[in-house]
PDB file of N, CA and C in Angstrom:
ATOM      1  N   MET A   1       0.870  -1.187  -0.004  1.00  0.00           N
ATOM      2  CA  MET A   1      -0.013  -0.001   0.001  1.00  0.00           C
ATOM      3  C   MET A   1       0.913   1.244  -0.017  1.00  0.00           C
ATOM      4  N   CYS A   2       0.454   2.257  -0.684  1.00  0.00           N
ATOM      5  CA  CYS A   2       1.261   3.504  -0.820  1.00  0.00           C
ATOM      6  C   CYS A   2       0.727   4.528   0.090  1.00  0.00           C
ATOM      7  N   GLU A   3       1.549   5.040   0.981  1.00  0.00           N
ATOM      8  CA  GLU A   3       1.104   6.122   1.851  1.00  0.00           C
ATOM      9  C   GLU A   3       1.112   7.463   1.047  1.00  0.00           C
ATOM     10  N   ARG A   4       2.263   7.797   0.480  1.00  0.00           N
ATOM     11  CA  ARG A   4       2.438   9.003  -0.262  1.00  0.00           C
ATOM     12  C   ARG A   4       3.026   8.688  -1.606  1.00  0.00           C
ATOM     13  N   PRO A   5       2.378   9.018  -2.664  1.00  0.00           N
ATOM     14  CA  PRO A   5       3.012   8.772  -3.977  1.00  0.00           C
ATOM     15  C   PRO A   5       4.222   9.625  -4.243  1.00  0.00           C
ATOM     16  N   ILE A   6       5.158   9.032  -4.966  1.00  0.00           N
ATOM     17  CA  ILE A   6       6.353   9.788  -5.411  1.00  0.00           C
ATOM     18  C   ILE A   6       5.876  10.735  -6.543  1.00  0.00           C
ATOM     19  N   LEU A   7       6.395  11.924  -6.508  1.00  0.00           N
ATOM     20  CA  LEU A   7       6.152  12.880  -7.625  1.00  0.00           C
ATOM     21  C   LEU A   7       7.369  12.723  -8.548  1.00  0.00           C
ATOM     22  N   ALA A   8       7.136  12.111  -9.662  1.00  0.00           N
ATOM     23  CA  ALA A   8       8.211  11.853 -10.654  1.00  0.00           C
ATOM     24  C   ALA A   8       8.438  12.968 -11.617  1.00  0.00           C
ATOM     25  N   GLY A   9       9.542  12.932 -12.265  1.00  0.00           N
ATOM     26  CA  GLY A   9       9.742  13.825 -13.331  1.00  0.00           C
ATOM     27  C   GLY A   9      10.959  14.695 -13.144  1.00  0.00           C
ATOM     28  N   ASP A  10      11.670  14.571 -12.043  1.00  0.00           N
ATOM     29  CA  ASP A  10      12.852  15.365 -11.836  1.00  0.00           C
ATOM     30  C   ASP A  10      14.091  14.859 -12.621  1.00  0.00           C
ATOM     31  N   ARG A  11      14.082  13.593 -13.019  1.00  0.00           N
ATOM     32  CA  ARG A  11      15.106  13.004 -13.818  1.00  0.00           C
ATOM     33  C   ARG A  11      14.510  12.497 -15.089  1.00  0.00           C
ATOM     34  N   ALA A  12      14.875  13.081 -16.213  1.00  0.00           N
ATOM     35  CA  ALA A  12      14.326  12.577 -17.480  1.00  0.00           C
ATOM     36  C   ALA A  12      15.375  12.149 -18.400  1.00  0.00           C
ATOM     37  N   LEU A  13      15.103  11.128 -19.216  1.00  0.00           N
ATOM     38  CA  LEU A  13      16.005  10.607 -20.223  1.00  0.00           C
ATOM     39  C   LEU A  13      15.146  10.463 -21.485  1.00  0.00           C
ATOM     40  N   ASN A  14      15.270  11.486 -22.364  1.00  0.00           N
ATOM     41  CA  ASN A  14      14.454  11.519 -23.590  1.00  0.00           C
ATOM     42  C   ASN A  14      12.975  11.527 -23.161  1.00  0.00           C
ATOM     43  N   GLU A  15      12.234  10.536 -23.526  1.00  0.00           N
ATOM     44  CA  GLU A  15      10.801  10.476 -23.152  1.00  0.00           C
ATOM     45  C   GLU A  15      10.578   9.602 -21.958  1.00  0.00           C
ATOM     46  N   TRP A  16      11.597   9.158 -21.323  1.00  0.00           N
ATOM     47  CA  TRP A  16      11.468   8.300 -20.131  1.00  0.00           C
ATOM     48  C   TRP A  16      11.675   9.181 -18.887  1.00  0.00           C
ATOM     49  N   THR A  17      10.923   8.864 -17.824  1.00  0.00           N
ATOM     50  CA  THR A  17      11.062   9.560 -16.550  1.00  0.00           C
ATOM     51  C   THR A  17      11.422   8.581 -15.433  1.00  0.00           C
ATOM     52  N   ALA A  18      12.431   8.919 -14.641  1.00  0.00           N
ATOM     53  CA  ALA A  18      12.779   8.079 -13.482  1.00  0.00           C
ATOM     54  C   ALA A  18      11.758   8.246 -12.451  1.00  0.00           C
ATOM     55  N   VAL A  19      11.250   7.099 -11.984  1.00  0.00           N
ATOM     56  CA  VAL A  19      10.146   7.127 -10.971  1.00  0.00           C
ATOM     57  C   VAL A  19      10.626   6.815  -9.543  1.00  0.00           C
ATOM     58  N   CYS A  20      11.433   5.812  -9.426  1.00  0.00           N
ATOM     59  CA  CYS A  20      11.966   5.500  -8.097  1.00  0.00           C
ATOM     60  C   CYS A  20      13.207   4.615  -8.172  1.00  0.00           C
ATOM     61  N   PRO A  21      14.027   4.589  -7.128  1.00  0.00           N
ATOM     62  CA  PRO A  21      15.171   3.674  -7.144  1.00  0.00           C
ATOM     63  C   PRO A  21      14.718   2.196  -7.185  1.00  0.00           C
ATOM     64  N   LEU A  22      15.442   1.443  -7.961  1.00  0.00           N
ATOM     65  CA  LEU A  22      15.095   0.028  -8.033  1.00  0.00           C
ATOM     66  C   LEU A  22      15.118  -0.645  -6.658  1.00  0.00           C
ATOM     67  N   SER A  23      16.015  -0.253  -5.805  1.00  0.00           N
ATOM     68  CA  SER A  23      16.124  -0.872  -4.483  1.00  0.00           C
ATOM     69  C   SER A  23      14.824  -0.656  -3.697  1.00  0.00           C
ATOM     70  N   ARG A  24      14.223   0.508  -3.831  1.00  0.00           N
ATOM     71  CA  ARG A  24      12.969   0.769  -3.105  1.00  0.00           C
ATOM     72  C   ARG A  24      11.843  -0.047  -3.707  1.00  0.00           C
ATOM     73  N   LEU A  25      11.813  -0.183  -4.998  1.00  0.00           N
ATOM     74  CA  LEU A  25      10.753  -0.999  -5.640  1.00  0.00           C
ATOM     75  C   LEU A  25      10.859  -2.477  -5.210  1.00  0.00           C
ATOM     76  N   ILE A  26      12.066  -3.002  -5.136  1.00  0.00           N
ATOM     77  CA  ILE A  26      12.242  -4.383  -4.746  1.00  0.00           C
ATOM     78  C   ILE A  26      11.874  -4.598  -3.259  1.00  0.00           C
ATOM     79  N   GLU A  27      12.265  -3.685  -2.499  1.00  0.00           N
ATOM     80  CA  GLU A  27      11.936  -3.710  -1.006  1.00  0.00           C
ATOM     81  C   GLU A  27      10.511  -3.617  -0.727  1.00  0.00           C
ATOM     82  N   GLN A  28       9.795  -2.743  -1.418  1.00  0.00           N
ATOM     83  CA  GLN A  28       8.316  -2.434  -1.125  1.00  0.00           C
ATOM     84  C   GLN A  28       7.336  -3.261  -1.956  1.00  0.00           C
ATOM     85  N   THR A  29       7.725  -3.776  -3.083  1.00  0.00           N
ATOM     86  CA  THR A  29       6.899  -4.484  -4.011  1.00  0.00           C
ATOM     87  C   THR A  29       5.978  -3.551  -4.785  1.00  0.00           C
ATOM     88  N   PHE A  30       5.226  -2.676  -4.068  1.00  0.00           N
ATOM     89  CA  PHE A  30       4.385  -1.708  -4.718  1.00  0.00           C
ATOM     90  C   PHE A  30       4.876  -0.299  -4.408  1.00  0.00           C
ATOM     91  N   VAL A  31       4.990   0.547  -5.466  1.00  0.00           N
ATOM     92  CA  VAL A  31       5.360   1.941  -5.264  1.00  0.00           C
ATOM     93  C   VAL A  31       4.399   2.800  -6.068  1.00  0.00           C
ATOM     94  N   CYS A  32       3.750   3.726  -5.455  1.00  0.00           N
ATOM     95  CA  CYS A  32       2.789   4.638  -6.133  1.00  0.00           C
ATOM     96  C   CYS A  32       3.564   5.843  -6.566  1.00  0.00           C
ATOM     97  N   ALA A  33       3.177   6.379  -7.708  1.00  0.00           N
ATOM     98  CA  ALA A  33       3.858   7.607  -8.258  1.00  0.00           C
ATOM     99  C   ALA A  33       2.832   8.424  -9.006  1.00  0.00           C
ATOM    100  N   ARG A  34       3.081   9.671  -9.034  1.00  0.00           N
ATOM    101  CA  ARG A  34       2.363  10.642  -9.834  1.00  0.00           C
ATOM    102  C   ARG A  34       3.282  11.154 -10.909  1.00  0.00           C
ATOM    103  N   VAL A  35       3.018  10.696 -12.143  1.00  0.00           N
ATOM    104  CA  VAL A  35       3.901  11.121 -13.251  1.00  0.00           C
ATOM    105  C   VAL A  35       3.057  11.995 -14.193  1.00  0.00           C
ATOM    106  N   GLY A  36       3.335  13.283 -14.203  1.00  0.00           N
ATOM    107  CA  GLY A  36       2.486  14.243 -14.898  1.00  0.00           C
ATOM    108  C   GLY A  36       1.111  14.237 -14.289  1.00  0.00           C
ATOM    109  N   GLU A  37       0.110  13.918 -15.022  1.00  0.00           N
ATOM    110  CA  GLU A  37      -1.265  13.850 -14.584  1.00  0.00           C
ATOM    111  C   GLU A  37      -1.731  12.452 -14.219  1.00  0.00           C
ATOM    112  N   ALA A  38      -0.833  11.480 -14.333  1.00  0.00           N
ATOM    113  CA  ALA A  38      -1.197  10.085 -14.226  1.00  0.00           C
ATOM    114  C   ALA A  38      -0.811   9.496 -12.806  1.00  0.00           C
ATOM    115  N   ASP A  39      -1.703   8.754 -12.169  1.00  0.00           N
ATOM    116  CA  ASP A  39      -1.396   7.977 -11.003  1.00  0.00           C
ATOM    117  C   ASP A  39      -1.042   6.613 -11.411  1.00  0.00           C
ATOM    118  N   VAL A  40       0.204   6.268 -11.113  1.00  0.00           N
ATOM    119  CA  VAL A  40       0.820   5.039 -11.604  1.00  0.00           C
ATOM    120  C   VAL A  40       1.166   4.159 -10.423  1.00  0.00           C
ATOM    121  N   LEU A  41       1.075   2.814 -10.667  1.00  0.00           N
ATOM    122  CA  LEU A  41       1.548   1.854  -9.709  1.00  0.00           C
ATOM    123  C   LEU A  41       2.696   1.052 -10.313  1.00  0.00           C
ATOM    124  N   LEU A  42       3.871   1.109  -9.650  1.00  0.00           N
ATOM    125  CA  LEU A  42       4.945   0.248 -10.072  1.00  0.00           C
ATOM    126  C   LEU A  42       4.944  -0.962  -9.175  1.00  0.00           C
ATOM    127  N   ILE A  43       5.202  -2.114  -9.759  1.00  0.00           N
ATOM    128  CA  ILE A  43       5.125  -3.403  -9.111  1.00  0.00           C
ATOM    129  C   ILE A  43       6.476  -4.170  -9.368  1.00  0.00           C
ATOM    130  N   TRP A  44       7.030  -4.745  -8.293  1.00  0.00           N
ATOM    131  CA  TRP A  44       8.097  -5.666  -8.499  1.00  0.00           C
ATOM    132  C   TRP A  44       7.499  -7.112  -8.389  1.00  0.00           C
ATOM    133  N   ASP A  45       7.474  -7.750  -9.525  1.00  0.00           N
ATOM    134  CA  ASP A  45       6.873  -9.094  -9.573  1.00  0.00           C
ATOM    135  C   ASP A  45       7.937 -10.159  -9.843  1.00  0.00           C
ATOM    136  N   GLU A  46       8.386 -10.858  -8.768  1.00  0.00           N
ATOM    137  CA  GLU A  46       9.404 -11.865  -8.915  1.00  0.00           C
ATOM    138  C   GLU A  46      10.763 -11.236  -9.357  1.00  0.00           C
ATOM    139  N   ASP A  47      10.973 -11.136 -10.648  1.00  0.00           N
ATOM    140  CA  ASP A  47      12.245 -10.688 -11.143  1.00  0.00           C
ATOM    141  C   ASP A  47      12.155  -9.485 -12.149  1.00  0.00           C
ATOM    142  N   HIS A  48      11.067  -8.862 -12.220  1.00  0.00           N
ATOM    143  CA  HIS A  48      10.944  -7.805 -13.183  1.00  0.00           C
ATOM    144  C   HIS A  48       9.913  -6.745 -12.720  1.00  0.00           C
ATOM    145  N   ALA A  49      10.071  -5.529 -13.265  1.00  0.00           N
ATOM    146  CA  ALA A  49       9.181  -4.380 -12.914  1.00  0.00           C
ATOM    147  C   ALA A  49       8.052  -4.280 -13.844  1.00  0.00           C
ATOM    148  N   VAL A  50       6.906  -3.924 -13.346  1.00  0.00           N
ATOM    149  CA  VAL A  50       5.694  -3.672 -14.125  1.00  0.00           C
ATOM    150  C   VAL A  50       5.140  -2.314 -13.712  1.00  0.00           C
ATOM    151  N   ALA A  51       4.605  -1.502 -14.639  1.00  0.00           N
ATOM    152  CA  ALA A  51       3.954  -0.259 -14.366  1.00  0.00           C
ATOM    153  C   ALA A  51       2.551  -0.348 -14.893  1.00  0.00           C
ATOM    154  N   CYS A  52       1.601   0.118 -14.154  1.00  0.00           N
ATOM    155  CA  CYS A  52       0.175   0.132 -14.605  1.00  0.00           C
ATOM    156  C   CYS A  52      -0.575   1.296 -13.958  1.00  0.00           C
ATOM    157  N   GLU A  53      -1.755   1.513 -14.398  1.00  0.00           N
ATOM    158  CA  GLU A  53      -2.619   2.487 -13.787  1.00  0.00           C
ATOM    159  C   GLU A  53      -2.920   2.071 -12.327  1.00  0.00           C
ATOM    160  N   ARG A  54      -3.041   3.059 -11.463  1.00  0.00           N
ATOM    161  CA  ARG A  54      -3.269   2.769 -10.048  1.00  0.00           C
ATOM    162  C   ARG A  54      -4.665   2.357  -9.679  1.00  0.00           C
ATOM    163  N   ALA A  55      -5.654   2.895 -10.391  1.00  0.00           N
ATOM    164  CA  ALA A  55      -7.069   2.672 -10.078  1.00  0.00           C
ATOM    165  C   ALA A  55      -7.554   1.426 -10.878  1.00  0.00           C
ATOM    166  N   CYS A  56      -8.284   0.577 -10.236  1.00  0.00           N
ATOM    167  CA  CYS A  56      -8.878  -0.512 -10.940  1.00  0.00           C
ATOM    168  C   CYS A  56      -9.883  -0.038 -11.993  1.00  0.00           C
ATOM    169  N   PRO A  57      -9.806  -0.522 -13.199  1.00  0.00           N
ATOM    170  CA  PRO A  57     -10.709  -0.028 -14.241  1.00  0.00           C
ATOM    171  C   PRO A  57     -12.173  -0.531 -14.081  1.00  0.00           C
ATOM    172  N   HIS A  58     -12.392  -1.460 -13.163  1.00  0.00           N
ATOM    173  CA  HIS A  58     -13.731  -1.962 -12.903  1.00  0.00           C
ATOM    174  C   HIS A  58     -14.477  -1.135 -11.869  1.00  0.00           C
ATOM    175  N   GLU A  59     -13.842  -0.883 -10.750  1.00  0.00           N
ATOM    176  CA  GLU A  59     -14.525  -0.090  -9.627  1.00  0.00           C
ATOM    177  C   GLU A  59     -13.696   1.041  -9.069  1.00  0.00           C
ATOM    178  N   GLN A  60     -12.554   1.329  -9.727  1.00  0.00           N
ATOM    179  CA  GLN A  60     -11.622   2.347  -9.320  1.00  0.00           C
ATOM    180  C   GLN A  60     -11.043   2.175  -7.921  1.00  0.00           C
ATOM    181  N   ALA A  61     -10.972   0.925  -7.442  1.00  0.00           N
ATOM    182  CA  ALA A  61     -10.262   0.655  -6.169  1.00  0.00           C
ATOM    183  C   ALA A  61      -8.762   0.951  -6.317  1.00  0.00           C
ATOM    184  N   ASP A  62      -8.156   1.267  -5.212  1.00  0.00           N
ATOM    185  CA  ASP A  62      -6.730   1.525  -5.184  1.00  0.00           C
ATOM    186  C   ASP A  62      -5.951   0.200  -5.272  1.00  0.00           C
ATOM    187  N   LEU A  63      -5.390  -0.091  -6.382  1.00  0.00           N
ATOM    188  CA  LEU A  63      -4.720  -1.422  -6.642  1.00  0.00           C
ATOM    189  C   LEU A  63      -3.436  -1.503  -5.797  1.00  0.00           C
ATOM    190  N   SER A  64      -2.956  -0.459  -5.213  1.00  0.00           N
ATOM    191  CA  SER A  64      -1.783  -0.569  -4.304  1.00  0.00           C
ATOM    192  C   SER A  64      -2.133  -1.328  -3.033  1.00  0.00           C
ATOM    193  N   ARG A  65      -3.406  -1.501  -2.825  1.00  0.00           N
ATOM    194  CA  ARG A  65      -3.951  -2.257  -1.660  1.00  0.00           C
ATOM    195  C   ARG A  65      -4.198  -3.693  -2.004  1.00  0.00           C
ATOM    196  N   GLY A  66      -3.933  -4.062  -3.293  1.00  0.00           N
ATOM    197  CA  GLY A  66      -4.199  -5.395  -3.769  1.00  0.00           C
ATOM    198  C   GLY A  66      -2.980  -6.320  -3.356  1.00  0.00           C
ATOM    199  N   ARG A  67      -2.949  -7.478  -4.037  1.00  0.00           N
ATOM    200  CA  ARG A  67      -1.908  -8.428  -3.773  1.00  0.00           C
ATOM    201  C   ARG A  67      -1.533  -9.122  -5.079  1.00  0.00           C
ATOM    202  N   LEU A  68      -0.374  -9.744  -5.111  1.00  0.00           N
ATOM    203  CA  LEU A  68       0.125 -10.449  -6.244  1.00  0.00           C
ATOM    204  C   LEU A  68      -0.149 -11.914  -6.061  1.00  0.00           C
ATOM    205  N   SER A  69      -0.491 -12.602  -7.143  1.00  0.00           N
ATOM    206  CA  SER A  69      -0.721 -14.005  -7.132  1.00  0.00           C
ATOM    207  C   SER A  69      -0.515 -14.577  -8.504  1.00  0.00           C
ATOM    208  N   ASN A  70       0.553 -15.427  -8.703  1.00  0.00           N
ATOM    209  CA  ASN A  70       0.820 -16.069  -9.977  1.00  0.00           C
ATOM    210  C   ASN A  70       0.916 -15.051 -11.119  1.00  0.00           C
ATOM    211  N   ARG A  71       1.697 -13.974 -10.929  1.00  0.00           N
ATOM    212  CA  ARG A  71       1.933 -12.920 -11.964  1.00  0.00           C
ATOM    213  C   ARG A  71       0.601 -12.183 -12.309  1.00  0.00           C
ATOM    214  N   ARG A  72      -0.307 -12.159 -11.411  1.00  0.00           N
ATOM    215  CA  ARG A  72      -1.511 -11.402 -11.557  1.00  0.00           C
ATOM    216  C   ARG A  72      -1.671 -10.458 -10.341  1.00  0.00           C
ATOM    217  N   LEU A  73      -2.319  -9.276 -10.667  1.00  0.00           N
ATOM    218  CA  LEU A  73      -2.605  -8.315  -9.600  1.00  0.00           C
ATOM    219  C   LEU A  73      -4.077  -8.502  -9.216  1.00  0.00           C
ATOM    220  N   VAL A  74      -4.310  -8.828  -7.937  1.00  0.00           N
ATOM    221  CA  VAL A  74      -5.685  -9.072  -7.446  1.00  0.00           C
ATOM    222  C   VAL A  74      -6.166  -7.788  -6.863  1.00  0.00           C
ATOM    223  N   CYS A  75      -7.376  -7.354  -7.344  1.00  0.00           N
ATOM    224  CA  CYS A  75      -8.018  -6.161  -6.835  1.00  0.00           C
ATOM    225  C   CYS A  75      -8.467  -6.380  -5.405  1.00  0.00           C
ATOM    226  N   PRO A  76      -8.267  -5.363  -4.502  1.00  0.00           N
ATOM    227  CA  PRO A  76      -8.708  -5.522  -3.108  1.00  0.00           C
ATOM    228  C   PRO A  76     -10.215  -5.444  -2.928  1.00  0.00           C
ATOM    229  N   ARG A  77     -10.938  -4.877  -3.895  1.00  0.00           N
ATOM    230  CA  ARG A  77     -12.341  -4.650  -3.723  1.00  0.00           C
ATOM    231  C   ARG A  77     -13.241  -5.842  -4.222  1.00  0.00           C
ATOM    232  N   HIS A  78     -12.911  -6.354  -5.401  1.00  0.00           N
ATOM    233  CA  HIS A  78     -13.826  -7.388  -5.928  1.00  0.00           C
ATOM    234  C   HIS A  78     -13.153  -8.693  -6.223  1.00  0.00           C
ATOM    235  N   ALA A  79     -11.838  -8.832  -5.934  1.00  0.00           N
ATOM    236  CA  ALA A  79     -11.094 -10.062  -6.040  1.00  0.00           C
ATOM    237  C   ALA A  79     -10.863 -10.577  -7.460  1.00  0.00           C
ATOM    238  N   ALA A  80     -11.254  -9.841  -8.474  1.00  0.00           N
ATOM    239  CA  ALA A  80     -10.792 -10.189  -9.799  1.00  0.00           C
ATOM    240  C   ALA A  80      -9.359  -9.871  -9.979  1.00  0.00           C
ATOM    241  N   SER A  81      -8.706 -10.465 -10.927  1.00  0.00           N
ATOM    242  CA  SER A  81      -7.286 -10.206 -11.077  1.00  0.00           C
ATOM    243  C   SER A  81      -6.978  -9.806 -12.520  1.00  0.00           C
ATOM    244  N   PHE A  82      -5.812  -9.130 -12.636  1.00  0.00           N
ATOM    245  CA  PHE A  82      -5.350  -8.633 -13.925  1.00  0.00           C
ATOM    246  C   PHE A  82      -3.995  -9.267 -14.240  1.00  0.00           C
ATOM    247  N   ASP A  83      -3.832  -9.739 -15.407  1.00  0.00           N
ATOM    248  CA  ASP A  83      -2.600 -10.289 -15.928  1.00  0.00           C
ATOM    249  C   ASP A  83      -1.583  -9.132 -16.005  1.00  0.00           C
ATOM    250  N   LEU A  84      -0.402  -9.319 -15.489  1.00  0.00           N
ATOM    251  CA  LEU A  84       0.605  -8.259 -15.488  1.00  0.00           C
ATOM    252  C   LEU A  84       1.363  -8.165 -16.772  1.00  0.00           C
ATOM    253  N   GLN A  85       1.073  -9.086 -17.771  1.00  0.00           N
ATOM    254  CA  GLN A  85       1.758  -8.904 -19.056  1.00  0.00           C
ATOM    255  C   GLN A  85       0.851  -8.084 -19.984  1.00  0.00           C
ATOM    256  N   ASP A  86      -0.394  -8.371 -20.062  1.00  0.00           N
ATOM    257  CA  ASP A  86      -1.235  -7.722 -21.039  1.00  0.00           C
ATOM    258  C   ASP A  86      -2.427  -6.978 -20.408  1.00  0.00           C
ATOM    259  N   GLY A  87      -2.633  -6.984 -19.107  1.00  0.00           N
ATOM    260  CA  GLY A  87      -3.655  -6.246 -18.370  1.00  0.00           C
ATOM    261  C   GLY A  87      -5.057  -6.929 -18.394  1.00  0.00           C
ATOM    262  N   SER A  88      -5.197  -8.112 -19.029  1.00  0.00           N
ATOM    263  CA  SER A  88      -6.510  -8.716 -19.131  1.00  0.00           C
ATOM    264  C   SER A  88      -7.050  -9.077 -17.769  1.00  0.00           C
ATOM    265  N   ILE A  89      -8.367  -8.933 -17.614  1.00  0.00           N
ATOM    266  CA  ILE A  89      -8.994  -9.244 -16.360  1.00  0.00           C
ATOM    267  C   ILE A  89      -9.547 -10.643 -16.350  1.00  0.00           C
ATOM    268  N   THR A  90      -9.716 -11.182 -15.114  1.00  0.00           N
ATOM    269  CA  THR A  90     -10.296 -12.542 -14.965  1.00  0.00           C
ATOM    270  C   THR A  90     -11.504 -12.722 -15.822  1.00  0.00           C
ATOM    271  N   ASP A  91     -11.688 -13.867 -16.495  1.00  0.00           N
ATOM    272  CA  ASP A  91     -12.857 -14.101 -17.281  1.00  0.00           C
ATOM    273  C   ASP A  91     -14.131 -13.932 -16.501  1.00  0.00           C
ATOM    274  N   GLY A  92     -15.118 -13.318 -17.187  1.00  0.00           N
ATOM    275  CA  GLY A  92     -16.463 -13.083 -16.594  1.00  0.00           C
ATOM    276  C   GLY A  92     -16.668 -11.774 -15.952  1.00  0.00           C
ATOM    277  N   TRP A  93     -15.616 -10.960 -15.805  1.00  0.00           N
ATOM    278  CA  TRP A  93     -15.772  -9.640 -15.214  1.00  0.00           C
ATOM    279  C   TRP A  93     -16.016  -8.590 -16.233  1.00  0.00           C
ATOM    280  N   PRO A  94     -16.988  -7.738 -16.112  1.00  0.00           N
ATOM    281  CA  PRO A  94     -17.308  -6.707 -17.097  1.00  0.00           C
ATOM    282  C   PRO A  94     -16.391  -5.452 -17.015  1.00  0.00           C
ATOM    283  N   SER A  95     -15.208  -5.580 -17.534  1.00  0.00           N
ATOM    284  CA  SER A  95     -14.272  -4.463 -17.361  1.00  0.00           C
ATOM    285  C   SER A  95     -13.272  -4.432 -18.531  1.00  0.00           C
ATOM    286  N   ARG A  96     -12.806  -3.286 -18.828  1.00  0.00           N
ATOM    287  CA  ARG A  96     -11.729  -3.192 -19.790  1.00  0.00           C
ATOM    288  C   ARG A  96     -10.429  -3.666 -19.145  1.00  0.00           C
ATOM    289  N   PRO A  97      -9.409  -4.022 -19.905  1.00  0.00           N
ATOM    290  CA  PRO A  97      -8.138  -4.444 -19.320  1.00  0.00           C
ATOM    291  C   PRO A  97      -7.501  -3.312 -18.517  1.00  0.00           C
ATOM    292  N   LEU A  98      -6.607  -3.691 -17.628  1.00  0.00           N
ATOM    293  CA  LEU A  98      -5.780  -2.777 -16.885  1.00  0.00           C
ATOM    294  C   LEU A  98      -4.761  -2.255 -17.877  1.00  0.00           C
ATOM    295  N   THR A  99      -4.528  -0.913 -17.845  1.00  0.00           N
ATOM    296  CA  THR A  99      -3.518  -0.344 -18.742  1.00  0.00           C
ATOM    297  C   THR A  99      -2.101  -0.577 -18.103  1.00  0.00           C
ATOM    298  N   ILE A 100      -1.279  -1.219 -18.999  1.00  0.00           N
ATOM    299  CA  ILE A 100       0.105  -1.518 -18.571  1.00  0.00           C
ATOM    300  C   ILE A 100       1.022  -0.494 -19.370  1.00  0.00           C
ATOM    301  N   TYR A 101       1.931   0.079 -18.666  1.00  0.00           N
ATOM    302  CA  TYR A 101       2.835   1.075 -19.280  1.00  0.00           C
ATOM    303  C   TYR A 101       4.259   0.455 -19.449  1.00  0.00           C
ATOM    304  N   PRO A 102       4.984   0.904 -20.471  1.00  0.00           N
ATOM    305  CA  PRO A 102       6.375   0.445 -20.642  1.00  0.00           C
ATOM    306  C   PRO A 102       7.190   0.975 -19.463  1.00  0.00           C
ATOM    307  N   VAL A 103       7.973   0.034 -18.938  1.00  0.00           N
ATOM    308  CA  VAL A 103       8.925   0.386 -17.817  1.00  0.00           C
ATOM    309  C   VAL A 103      10.238  -0.281 -18.157  1.00  0.00           C
ATOM    310  N   ARG A 104      11.306   0.397 -17.746  1.00  0.00           N
ATOM    311  CA  ARG A 104      12.636  -0.275 -17.910  1.00  0.00           C
ATOM    312  C   ARG A 104      13.485   0.184 -16.674  1.00  0.00           C
ATOM    313  N   ILE A 105      14.513  -0.612 -16.484  1.00  0.00           N
ATOM    314  CA  ILE A 105      15.414  -0.423 -15.388  1.00  0.00           C
ATOM    315  C   ILE A 105      16.735   0.111 -15.984  1.00  0.00           C
ATOM    316  N   ALA A 106      17.213   1.242 -15.508  1.00  0.00           N
ATOM    317  CA  ALA A 106      18.468   1.828 -15.990  1.00  0.00           C
ATOM    318  C   ALA A 106      19.042   2.746 -14.897  1.00  0.00           C
ATOM    319  N   ASP A 107      20.364   2.782 -14.777  1.00  0.00           N
ATOM    320  CA  ASP A 107      20.993   3.626 -13.740  1.00  0.00           C
ATOM    321  C   ASP A 107      20.441   3.432 -12.347  1.00  0.00           C
ATOM    322  N   GLY A 108      20.048   2.191 -12.021  1.00  0.00           N
ATOM    323  CA  GLY A 108      19.507   1.974 -10.665  1.00  0.00           C
ATOM    324  C   GLY A 108      18.154   2.446 -10.338  1.00  0.00           C
ATOM    325  N   HIS A 109      17.378   2.862 -11.424  1.00  0.00           N
ATOM    326  CA  HIS A 109      16.031   3.392 -11.199  1.00  0.00           C
ATOM    327  C   HIS A 109      15.066   2.654 -12.101  1.00  0.00           C
ATOM    328  N   ALA A 110      13.781   2.717 -11.738  1.00  0.00           N
ATOM    329  CA  ALA A 110      12.677   2.299 -12.616  1.00  0.00           C
ATOM    330  C   ALA A 110      12.240   3.530 -13.353  1.00  0.00           C
ATOM    331  N   TRP A 111      12.135   3.370 -14.687  1.00  0.00           N
ATOM    332  CA  TRP A 111      11.755   4.499 -15.586  1.00  0.00           C
ATOM    333  C   TRP A 111      10.427   4.166 -16.322  1.00  0.00           C
ATOM    334  N   ILE A 112       9.622   5.157 -16.511  1.00  0.00           N
ATOM    335  CA  ILE A 112       8.376   4.931 -17.288  1.00  0.00           C
ATOM    336  C   ILE A 112       8.418   5.811 -18.528  1.00  0.00           C
ATOM    337  N   ASP A 113       7.794   5.266 -19.589  1.00  0.00           N
ATOM    338  CA  ASP A 113       7.720   5.999 -20.883  1.00  0.00           C
ATOM    339  C   ASP A 113       6.611   6.997 -20.764  1.00  0.00           C
ATOM    340  N   THR A 114       6.932   8.266 -20.739  1.00  0.00           N
ATOM    341  CA  THR A 114       5.919   9.322 -20.570  1.00  0.00           C
ATOM    342  C   THR A 114       5.027   9.483 -21.795  1.00  0.00           C
ATOM    343  N   ARG A 115       5.516   9.075 -22.987  1.00  0.00           N
ATOM    344  CA  ARG A 115       4.692   9.133 -24.156  1.00  0.00           C
ATOM    345  C   ARG A 115       3.483   8.114 -23.994  1.00  0.00           C
ATOM    346  N   ALA A 116       3.739   6.981 -23.458  1.00  0.00           N
ATOM    347  CA  ALA A 116       2.645   5.981 -23.285  1.00  0.00           C
ATOM    348  C   ALA A 116       1.655   6.507 -22.202  1.00  0.00           C
ATOM    349  N   LEU A 117       2.117   7.189 -21.217  1.00  0.00           N
ATOM    350  CA  LEU A 117       1.253   7.754 -20.213  1.00  0.00           C
ATOM    351  C   LEU A 117       0.298   8.810 -20.854  1.00  0.00           C
ATOM    352  N   ALA A 118       0.873   9.596 -21.706  1.00  0.00           N
ATOM    353  CA  ALA A 118       0.086  10.633 -22.388  1.00  0.00           C
ATOM    354  C   ALA A 118      -1.024  10.073 -23.272  1.00  0.00           C
ATOM    355  N   GLN A 119      -0.762   8.892 -23.773  1.00  0.00           N
ATOM    356  CA  GLN A 119      -1.733   8.210 -24.686  1.00  0.00           C
ATOM    357  C   GLN A 119      -2.823   7.448 -23.847  1.00  0.00           C
ATOM    358  N   GLY A 120      -2.466   7.082 -22.637  1.00  0.00           N
ATOM    359  CA  GLY A 120      -3.341   6.219 -21.797  1.00  0.00           C
ATOM    360  C   GLY A 120      -4.495   6.965 -21.339  1.00  0.00           C
TER     361      GLY A 120
END
C-alpha cells in the first residue's frame, strides 16, 4: 500500500522519466507515483518491474492495496485479477483491461515512458 505517492519527473532521459530507485521497488513491491497527470503503480513481480494505472478499471479501487498471485494483480475490492503482461481481467468480469505502461530499469532506477502515459 502506498502512503504518499512519489512525484516523478525530476530526472528525465528523452521520453522516459525516472520514478523510483530500483532498490525501493524491490523492497516495497508496490510503489505509487504521480507522473504528470497520471497516478501510476509500479510493481516488483518476482524478477521484473511492471507499471500500470493505479485505479482498478472496474470499480476504481486503489490497486496498491491489492496483492500479487501467480503474476496477476488481485483487486482488493472485488477479487478479480489482472494479468501483469497484457492487463487482461479474470474471465467473466465486465471491465476493460488494466492499462500497462512500458517500464525499464536503468541507472539503478525504474523508468516509465511518458509518451505511453500521455496516450493512456
